[in-house]
């Protein structure tokens, strides 16, 4: 079944909204007939006594999960691993001795995890006599219950059994969990669907660089309000009934006013729809996410914030330019250059930035780079300060132009640089050349 969607009859939501998958009916069950599948159940173990017999590697895997489920875990084993030793303060008890009949009294669940089949058999027999469910780690066919391969994605628990084959179960579990995390498995219809507005940072451009959480929420959206720099490929993956609103703001072109965007977010959210505001980079780095969050909150609409990878560091990194480097620069300043130096609307102190000497990362600077370079040199930055300009960072069409502060404006014009582009000013740009030389040397004969 690798690579194929699981048949609907194998998807069995439990009363706990856990998603449990039976890959195929087991060949043999101790208490039943061939081809009888197990009954999958989500156990709420909070405060309930669970006995684990054995202190080796299997118990080391089982005990943390039981503790995370709130169980009152008692461990019976002459010796335990260092990892289990580190959990002693969370155990209800550790009995450092061999198993004895009677140890299961009052238990709701038992895990027989020793490396001795005879001991595990005795534990299982005692559990059966007391009508306590028991999992035998050493013999799936003789076990009254199986522990599924389990994974967690948000509020969803995924459990998989596969005819007592733990490796196959784990593989199927991983495929389902990965699909839910990256939203290739859709889960829009849920009693626990998100509400309100989610401000999701879409990352620097490459659709693979959106966060896992961001893609999960995008897959559950009823309405997506997307800007020009949001990864558009992700919009093509949305269900046909998802409403996509174009909130593009094209430089020197048409734009949807921010007040209207705010109103759209609240209007759709108050209709009971889950709204995702998808922007490029991070919503709170020159993305006006703060304004949108404040407006929604003032209108009584709940807001979820999902940070994104900012292009201010991702684009330079993709071009081999670190914004900091040991011994070169221990600080960097991210500046919005949508208005030039000296403009009455500018709050940037270019004189301080010029004299500081740290790395400058300039956003929205393409059309104003000559004025910016002149101001930085006028205030003391050396003319030969290295500069990198990265256009369409992380996208297939990414390209970089390397220059100096004195030549960058002419070089950008000569190469036809256009937005979106990130400009990096500082000695860290030289590191890119070093990295390029080393990369070029890899594989060459001495």
Protein backbone atom coordinates (compact mmCIF):
# COMPACT_ATOMS: atom_id res chain seq x y z
CA UNK A 1 0.00 0.00 0.00
CA UNK A 2 3.06 2.26 -0.06
CA UNK A 3 2.34 5.53 -1.81
CA UNK A 4 -1.41 4.87 -2.03
CA UNK A 5 -4.23 6.43 -0.07
CA UNK A 6 -5.61 4.24 2.69
CA UNK A 7 -9.09 2.82 1.98
CA UNK A 8 -11.87 4.51 3.89
CA UNK A 9 -12.83 1.27 5.64
CA UNK A 10 -9.45 1.26 7.40
CA UNK A 11 -9.95 4.69 8.98
CA UNK A 12 -11.63 4.21 12.35
CA UNK A 13 -11.98 7.34 14.55
CA UNK A 14 -12.30 6.41 18.23
CA UNK A 15 -14.40 8.19 20.83
CA UNK A 16 -11.31 10.25 21.63
CA UNK A 17 -11.05 11.52 18.05
CA UNK A 18 -7.94 9.39 17.72
CA UNK A 19 -7.23 8.19 14.21
CA UNK A 20 -6.37 4.49 14.31
CA UNK A 21 -5.55 2.42 11.26
CA UNK A 22 -5.70 -1.36 10.86
CA UNK A 23 -3.59 -2.19 7.82
CA UNK A 24 -5.09 -5.66 7.37
CA UNK A 25 -6.88 -8.25 9.54
CA UNK A 26 -4.39 -10.23 11.68
CA UNK A 27 -3.77 -13.87 10.86
CA UNK A 28 -4.16 -15.09 14.42
CA UNK A 29 -5.52 -13.83 17.70
CA UNK A 30 -5.12 -15.76 20.93
CA UNK A 31 -8.79 -15.49 21.94
CA UNK A 32 -10.48 -15.56 18.54
CA UNK A 33 -10.53 -16.88 15.02
CA UNK A 34 -8.30 -16.11 12.05
CA UNK A 35 -9.00 -12.89 10.12
CA UNK A 36 -10.59 -11.16 13.13
CA UNK A 37 -9.27 -7.59 13.44
CA UNK A 38 -8.52 -6.05 16.84
CA UNK A 39 -10.92 -3.54 18.33
CA UNK A 40 -9.02 -0.27 18.49
CA UNK A 41 -9.69 1.91 21.51
CA UNK A 42 -8.35 5.16 22.90
CA UNK A 43 -7.67 4.66 26.61
CA UNK A 44 -7.95 7.61 28.99
CA UNK A 45 -5.41 6.56 31.59
CA UNK A 46 -5.18 9.66 33.75
CA UNK A 47 -4.76 8.56 37.36
CA UNK A 48 -5.21 4.87 36.55
CA UNK A 49 -2.70 2.25 37.72
CA UNK A 50 -0.59 0.71 34.97
CA UNK A 51 2.02 -1.94 35.76
CA UNK A 52 5.10 -2.33 33.56
CA UNK A 53 7.08 -5.51 34.19
CA UNK A 54 10.65 -5.20 32.93
CA UNK A 55 13.20 -2.41 32.93
CA UNK A 56 14.96 -2.76 29.58
CA UNK A 57 14.74 -1.05 26.20
CA UNK A 58 11.10 -1.94 25.53
CA UNK A 59 9.99 -0.56 28.89
CA UNK A 60 12.14 2.49 28.19
CA UNK A 61 9.99 3.21 25.14
CA UNK A 62 6.63 2.42 26.75
CA UNK A 63 6.93 4.19 30.11
CA UNK A 64 7.32 7.80 28.83
CA UNK A 65 4.24 7.41 26.63
CA UNK A 66 2.20 6.03 29.52
CA UNK A 67 3.34 8.89 31.74
CA UNK A 68 2.43 11.40 29.03
CA UNK A 69 -1.07 9.86 29.00
CA UNK A 70 -1.38 10.60 32.73
CA UNK A 71 -1.12 7.00 33.93
CA UNK A 72 0.03 6.12 37.42
CA UNK A 73 2.90 3.85 36.39
CA UNK A 74 4.46 1.20 38.62
CA UNK A 75 7.61 -0.49 37.41
CA UNK A 76 8.57 -4.02 38.45
CA UNK A 77 12.15 -4.94 37.52
CA UNK A 78 15.35 -5.87 39.36
CA UNK A 79 17.27 -3.35 37.24
CA UNK A 80 16.27 -0.47 34.97
CA UNK A 81 18.00 1.50 32.23
CA UNK A 82 19.58 4.92 32.94
CA UNK A 83 16.73 6.58 31.03
CA UNK A 84 14.14 4.91 33.26
CA UNK A 85 16.25 5.83 36.26
CA UNK A 86 15.83 9.46 35.17
CA UNK A 87 12.03 9.04 35.32
CA UNK A 88 11.91 7.68 38.87
CA UNK A 89 10.46 10.86 40.34
CA UNK A 90 7.54 10.58 37.91
CA UNK A 91 6.78 6.93 38.63
CA UNK A 92 4.16 5.94 41.17
CA UNK A 93 6.61 3.25 42.35
CA UNK A 94 9.58 1.15 41.31
CA UNK A 95 9.81 -2.34 42.81
CA UNK A 96 13.46 -3.39 42.30
CA UNK A 97 12.84 -7.14 42.30
CA UNK A 98 11.49 -9.91 40.05
CA UNK A 99 7.79 -10.11 39.24
CA UNK A 100 5.47 -11.77 41.78
CA UNK A 101 1.90 -12.96 41.37
CA UNK A 102 -0.22 -10.29 42.99
CA UNK A 103 1.72 -7.36 41.54
CA UNK A 104 -1.14 -6.69 39.14
CA UNK A 105 -3.82 -6.19 41.78
CA UNK A 106 -5.78 -3.02 41.04
CA UNK A 107 -4.16 -2.43 37.66
CA UNK A 108 -6.11 -1.33 34.59
CA UNK A 109 -3.40 -2.22 32.10
CA UNK A 110 -0.24 -4.32 32.12
CA UNK A 111 2.84 -4.26 29.90
CA UNK A 112 4.98 -7.42 30.01
CA UNK A 113 8.34 -6.20 28.74
CA UNK A 114 11.01 -8.51 30.18
CA UNK A 115 13.50 -10.46 28.06
CA UNK A 116 12.32 -13.74 29.63
CA UNK A 117 9.37 -15.38 27.79
CA UNK A 118 8.50 -17.44 30.87
CA UNK A 119 8.10 -14.32 33.00
CA UNK A 120 6.09 -12.57 30.33
CA UNK A 121 3.88 -15.65 30.03
CA UNK A 122 3.25 -15.68 33.77
CA UNK A 123 2.39 -11.97 33.76
CA UNK A 124 0.00 -12.48 30.84
CA UNK A 125 -1.66 -15.47 32.53
CA UNK A 126 -2.14 -13.56 35.79
CA UNK A 127 -3.57 -10.62 33.87
CA UNK A 128 -5.95 -12.88 31.95
CA UNK A 129 -7.18 -14.46 35.16
CA UNK A 130 -7.80 -11.03 36.68
CA UNK A 131 -9.43 -9.73 33.47
CA UNK A 132 -6.78 -7.07 33.03
CA UNK A 133 -5.65 -6.18 29.53
CA UNK A 134 -2.03 -7.19 28.98
CA UNK A 135 0.43 -6.42 26.21
CA UNK A 136 3.20 -8.97 25.67
CA UNK A 137 6.15 -7.29 24.03
CA UNK A 138 7.84 -10.58 23.08
CA UNK A 139 4.95 -12.47 21.44
CA UNK A 140 2.34 -10.58 19.43
CA UNK A 141 0.24 -13.67 18.69
CA UNK A 142 0.02 -14.63 22.35
CA UNK A 143 -0.75 -11.09 23.46
CA UNK A 144 -4.28 -10.17 24.49
CA UNK A 145 -3.66 -6.58 23.34
CA UNK A 146 -1.27 -4.79 21.06
CA UNK A 147 0.33 -1.40 21.50
CA UNK A 148 -0.10 0.51 18.25
CA UNK A 149 2.63 2.55 16.62
CA UNK A 150 1.55 5.98 17.80
CA UNK A 151 2.12 9.53 16.57
CA UNK A 152 0.71 12.93 17.42
CA UNK A 153 -0.23 15.87 15.21
CA UNK A 154 -1.82 18.71 17.12
CA UNK A 155 -4.96 17.33 18.78
CA UNK A 156 -4.94 14.18 16.64
CA UNK A 157 -3.50 10.88 17.82
CA UNK A 158 -2.62 8.34 15.15
CA UNK A 159 -2.36 4.66 16.11
CA UNK A 160 -1.51 1.85 13.69
CA UNK A 161 -1.46 -1.94 14.08
CA UNK A 162 -0.38 -4.22 11.25
CA UNK A 163 -0.84 -7.91 12.10
CA UNK A 164 1.60 -7.62 14.98
CA UNK A 165 4.39 -6.29 12.72
CA UNK A 166 5.80 -3.25 14.59
CA UNK A 167 8.14 -2.17 11.79
CA UNK A 168 5.34 -2.04 9.22
CA UNK A 169 3.04 -0.33 11.69
CA UNK A 170 5.68 2.33 12.36
CA UNK A 171 6.15 2.91 8.63
CA UNK A 172 2.45 3.41 8.03
CA UNK A 173 2.21 5.60 11.14
CA UNK A 174 5.04 7.80 9.88
CA UNK A 175 3.40 8.18 6.47
CA UNK A 176 0.11 9.28 8.02
CA UNK A 177 1.73 11.63 10.52
CA UNK A 178 3.89 13.21 7.82
CA UNK A 179 0.83 13.61 5.60
CA UNK A 180 -1.13 15.35 8.34
CA UNK A 181 1.80 17.57 9.24
CA UNK A 182 2.49 18.76 5.71
CA UNK A 183 -1.24 18.80 4.85
CA UNK A 184 -0.96 16.32 1.98
CA UNK A 185 -3.65 14.44 3.95
CA UNK A 186 -6.52 16.88 4.27
CA UNK A 187 -8.44 17.19 7.53
CA UNK A 188 -10.72 20.18 7.01
CA UNK A 189 -13.85 18.54 8.40
CA UNK A 190 -13.52 18.30 12.17
CA UNK A 191 -15.52 19.08 15.27
CA UNK A 192 -12.41 20.89 16.53
CA UNK A 193 -11.85 23.11 13.52
CA UNK A 194 -9.90 26.32 14.23
CA UNK A 195 -11.87 29.53 14.55
CA UNK A 196 -11.16 33.18 13.98
CA UNK A 197 -8.15 34.44 12.03
CA UNK A 198 -4.71 32.90 11.70
CA UNK A 199 -1.86 35.21 10.70
CA UNK A 200 0.44 32.81 8.87
CA UNK A 201 3.91 33.69 7.68
CA UNK A 202 4.43 31.94 4.35
CA UNK A 203 8.21 32.13 4.39
CA UNK A 204 10.64 33.66 1.90
CA UNK A 205 9.11 32.27 -1.28
CA UNK A 206 9.94 28.59 -1.68
CA UNK A 207 6.67 26.79 -0.78
CA UNK A 208 8.69 24.14 1.06
CA UNK A 209 9.82 26.73 3.59
CA UNK A 210 6.43 27.46 5.15
CA UNK A 211 6.26 26.07 8.69
CA UNK A 212 4.51 22.77 9.40
CA UNK A 213 1.93 24.57 11.56
CA UNK A 214 1.34 27.16 8.88
CA UNK A 215 0.59 24.54 6.25
CA UNK A 216 -1.70 22.65 8.63
CA UNK A 217 -3.83 25.73 9.24
CA UNK A 218 -3.82 26.66 5.56
CA UNK A 219 -5.27 23.23 4.76
CA UNK A 220 -8.14 23.87 7.19
CA UNK A 221 -9.02 27.36 5.96
CA UNK A 222 -12.40 28.37 4.59
CA UNK A 223 -11.03 31.72 3.40
CA UNK A 224 -7.43 32.67 2.53
CA UNK A 225 -6.44 36.32 2.22
CA UNK A 226 -3.10 36.19 0.41
CA UNK A 227 -0.63 38.87 -0.54
CA UNK A 228 1.64 39.08 -3.58
CA UNK A 229 4.69 37.53 -1.93
CA UNK A 230 2.86 34.59 -0.34
CA UNK A 231 3.93 31.23 -1.87
CA UNK A 232 1.30 31.01 -4.62
CA UNK A 233 1.94 27.31 -5.29
CA UNK A 234 0.30 26.55 -1.95
CA UNK A 235 -2.91 28.22 -3.10
CA UNK A 236 -3.21 25.72 -5.94
CA UNK A 237 -3.32 22.91 -3.36
CA UNK A 238 -6.40 24.27 -1.58
CA UNK A 239 -9.77 22.58 -1.85
CA UNK A 240 -12.05 23.98 -4.59
CA UNK A 241 -14.50 25.46 -2.06
CA UNK A 242 -11.87 27.58 -0.31
CA UNK A 243 -12.33 31.27 -1.09
CA UNK A 244 -9.05 32.98 -1.99
CA UNK A 245 -8.98 36.77 -1.72
CA UNK A 246 -6.19 38.60 -3.54
CA UNK A 247 -4.75 41.23 -1.22
CA UNK A 248 -1.73 41.96 -3.41
CA UNK A 249 0.14 45.21 -3.03
CA UNK A 250 2.16 45.73 -6.19
CA UNK A 251 5.00 48.27 -5.92
CA UNK A 252 3.92 51.44 -7.73
CA UNK A 253 0.79 49.58 -8.90
CA UNK A 254 -2.61 48.54 -7.66
CA UNK A 255 -3.06 47.66 -4.01
CA UNK A 256 -5.81 46.60 -1.63
CA UNK A 257 -5.90 49.14 1.19
CA UNK A 258 -4.95 47.83 4.61
CA UNK A 259 -8.21 49.03 6.17
CA UNK A 260 -10.13 46.94 3.65
CA UNK A 261 -7.96 43.90 4.41
CA UNK A 262 -8.69 44.29 8.12
CA UNK A 263 -12.42 44.50 7.43
CA UNK A 264 -12.36 41.39 5.23
CA UNK A 265 -10.63 39.34 7.92
CA UNK A 266 -13.23 40.24 10.53
CA UNK A 267 -16.20 40.02 8.16
CA UNK A 268 -15.49 36.43 7.15
CA UNK A 269 -14.46 35.33 10.66
CA UNK A 270 -17.76 36.62 12.07
CA UNK A 271 -19.58 34.48 9.51
CA UNK A 272 -18.13 31.44 11.27
CA UNK A 273 -15.43 30.84 8.69
CA UNK A 274 -11.82 30.07 9.55
CA UNK A 275 -9.67 32.72 7.89
CA UNK A 276 -5.96 32.46 7.10
CA UNK A 277 -4.08 35.66 6.37
CA UNK A 278 -1.16 34.36 4.32
CA UNK A 279 1.79 36.66 3.77
CA UNK A 280 5.31 36.23 2.50
CA UNK A 281 8.07 36.09 5.10
CA UNK A 282 6.85 36.78 8.61
CA UNK A 283 3.68 38.76 9.31
CA UNK A 284 5.36 40.73 12.06
CA UNK A 285 8.46 41.77 10.07
CA UNK A 286 7.24 44.71 7.98
CA UNK A 287 4.10 42.69 7.31
CA UNK A 288 1.58 44.81 9.24
CA UNK A 289 0.63 41.72 11.20
CA UNK A 290 0.46 43.74 14.39
CA UNK A 291 -2.15 46.07 12.89
CA UNK A 292 -4.24 43.13 11.73
CA UNK A 293 -4.00 41.38 15.10
CA UNK A 294 -5.05 44.52 16.98
CA UNK A 295 -8.00 45.14 14.66
CA UNK A 296 -9.26 41.57 14.94
CA UNK A 297 -8.89 41.53 18.72
CA UNK A 298 -10.74 44.84 19.01
CA UNK A 299 -13.62 43.28 17.05
CA UNK A 300 -13.72 40.22 19.32
CA UNK A 301 -12.19 37.86 16.76
CA UNK A 302 -9.66 35.34 18.12
CA UNK A 303 -6.24 35.51 16.49
CA UNK A 304 -3.63 32.78 16.03
CA UNK A 305 -0.11 33.81 15.09
CA UNK A 306 2.12 31.43 13.15
CA UNK A 307 5.58 32.95 12.62
CA UNK A 308 7.25 32.57 9.25
CA UNK A 309 10.85 32.51 8.04
CA UNK A 310 11.71 36.10 7.21
CA UNK A 311 13.27 36.77 3.83
CA UNK A 312 15.58 39.23 5.57
CA UNK A 313 17.71 36.30 6.73
CA UNK A 314 16.53 33.50 4.43
CA UNK A 315 17.36 35.19 1.11
CA UNK A 316 20.92 36.10 2.13
CA UNK A 317 21.39 32.61 3.57
CA UNK A 318 20.20 31.00 0.34
CA UNK A 319 22.86 33.03 -1.50
CA UNK A 320 25.59 32.00 0.94
CA UNK A 321 25.66 35.33 2.80
CA UNK A 322 25.43 34.96 6.60
CA UNK A 323 24.08 38.06 8.31
CA UNK A 324 26.44 37.38 11.23
CA UNK A 325 29.81 35.65 11.27
CA UNK A 326 32.22 35.04 14.13
CA UNK A 327 35.00 37.59 14.12
CA UNK A 328 33.29 39.66 11.42
CA UNK A 329 29.89 40.86 12.65
CA UNK A 330 27.97 40.09 15.82
CA UNK A 331 24.95 42.20 14.97
CA UNK A 332 22.63 42.90 12.07
CA UNK A 333 19.97 45.52 11.48
CA UNK A 334 16.90 44.90 9.34
CA UNK A 335 15.66 48.12 7.77
CA UNK A 336 12.56 48.94 5.77
CA UNK A 337 13.69 51.29 3.00
CA UNK A 338 10.28 51.98 1.50
CA UNK A 339 11.04 55.69 1.92
CA UNK A 340 14.51 57.16 1.24
CA UNK A 341 16.88 58.84 3.71
CA UNK A 342 15.72 62.32 4.57
CA UNK A 343 12.07 61.64 3.80
CA UNK A 344 9.73 63.12 6.45
CA UNK A 345 8.05 59.72 6.92
CA UNK A 346 11.34 57.93 7.59
CA UNK A 347 12.12 56.87 11.18
CA UNK A 348 15.52 55.39 10.27
CA UNK A 349 18.67 57.04 11.65
CA UNK A 350 20.96 56.41 8.70
CA UNK A 351 23.84 58.25 10.34
CA UNK A 352 23.85 55.85 13.29
CA UNK A 353 23.61 52.83 10.99
CA UNK A 354 26.50 54.08 8.85
CA UNK A 355 28.81 54.59 11.81
CA UNK A 356 27.74 51.40 13.60
CA UNK A 357 29.60 49.02 11.30
CA UNK A 358 27.23 46.07 11.74
CA UNK A 359 25.50 44.20 8.94
CA UNK A 360 22.65 46.07 7.27
CA UNK A 361 19.80 44.11 5.68
CA UNK A 362 17.69 46.41 3.53
CA UNK A 363 14.19 45.49 2.41
CA UNK A 364 12.19 47.35 -0.25
CA UNK A 365 15.34 49.24 -1.23
CA UNK A 366 15.61 48.53 -4.97
CA UNK A 367 14.24 51.85 -6.22
CA UNK A 368 16.08 53.89 -3.59
CA UNK A 369 19.47 52.18 -3.42
CA UNK A 370 21.43 55.08 -4.93
CA UNK A 371 20.09 57.50 -2.32
CA UNK A 372 20.73 54.97 0.46
CA UNK A 373 24.29 54.24 -0.66
CA UNK A 374 25.06 57.96 -0.91
CA UNK A 375 23.71 58.56 2.60
CA UNK A 376 25.70 55.68 4.11
CA UNK A 377 28.94 56.86 2.46
CA UNK A 378 28.24 60.46 3.45
CA UNK A 379 27.86 59.38 7.07
CA UNK A 380 31.08 57.37 7.12
CA UNK A 381 30.66 53.90 5.55
CA UNK A 382 33.60 53.09 3.31
CA UNK A 383 33.03 53.22 -0.43
CA UNK A 384 34.50 49.72 -0.83
CA UNK A 385 32.14 48.14 1.73
CA UNK A 386 30.93 44.91 0.08
CA UNK A 387 27.26 44.65 -0.89
CA UNK A 388 25.12 41.72 -2.02
CA UNK A 389 21.75 42.05 -3.72
CA UNK A 390 19.61 38.89 -3.77
CA UNK A 391 16.56 38.90 -6.04
CA UNK A 392 13.81 36.28 -5.74
CA UNK A 393 15.58 34.61 -2.83
CA UNK A 394 14.88 30.84 -2.41
CA UNK A 395 12.88 30.74 -5.67
CA UNK A 396 14.01 28.97 -8.87
CA UNK A 397 14.86 32.34 -10.44
CA UNK A 398 17.07 33.47 -7.56
CA UNK A 399 20.11 35.50 -8.57
CA UNK A 400 22.67 37.57 -6.72
CA UNK A 401 24.64 40.67 -7.66
CA UNK A 402 27.83 41.45 -5.74
CA UNK A 403 29.23 44.97 -5.66
CA UNK A 404 30.50 47.64 -3.30
CA UNK A 405 28.68 50.53 -1.71
CA UNK A 406 30.17 52.82 -4.33
CA UNK A 407 29.11 50.70 -7.30
CA UNK A 408 25.96 48.92 -6.18
CA UNK A 409 23.43 51.34 -7.66
CA UNK A 410 25.02 51.16 -11.12
CA UNK A 411 25.40 47.37 -10.91
CA UNK A 412 21.74 46.95 -9.98
CA UNK A 413 20.73 49.05 -12.96
CA UNK A 414 23.07 47.17 -15.30
CA UNK A 415 21.70 43.79 -14.19
CA UNK A 416 18.06 44.89 -14.24
CA UNK A 417 17.43 44.08 -10.60
CA UNK A 418 13.76 44.38 -9.67
CA UNK A 419 11.70 43.73 -6.53
CA UNK A 420 11.54 41.63 -4.50
CA UNK A 421 15.20 41.85 -3.58
CA UNK A 422 17.16 41.93 -0.35
CA UNK A 423 20.29 44.11 -0.03
CA UNK A 424 23.03 43.15 2.44
CA UNK A 425 25.69 45.70 3.32
CA UNK A 426 28.74 44.70 5.34
CA UNK A 427 31.87 42.60 5.62
CA UNK A 428 29.82 39.41 5.91
CA UNK A 429 29.35 39.58 2.14
CA UNK A 430 33.00 38.54 1.74
CA UNK A 431 32.15 35.26 3.49
CA UNK A 432 29.98 34.33 0.51
CA UNK A 433 33.02 34.56 -1.75
CA UNK A 434 34.98 32.31 0.60
CA UNK A 435 32.15 29.78 0.64
CA UNK A 436 31.91 29.92 -3.15
CA UNK A 437 35.62 29.28 -3.56
CA UNK A 438 35.54 26.34 -1.17
CA UNK A 439 32.47 24.86 -2.86
CA UNK A 440 34.12 25.20 -6.25
CA UNK A 441 37.20 23.38 -4.96
CA UNK A 442 35.24 20.37 -3.70
CA UNK A 443 35.96 17.36 -5.89
CA UNK A 444 38.93 18.92 -7.69
CA UNK A 445 42.22 17.07 -7.85
CA UNK A 446 44.94 18.57 -5.60
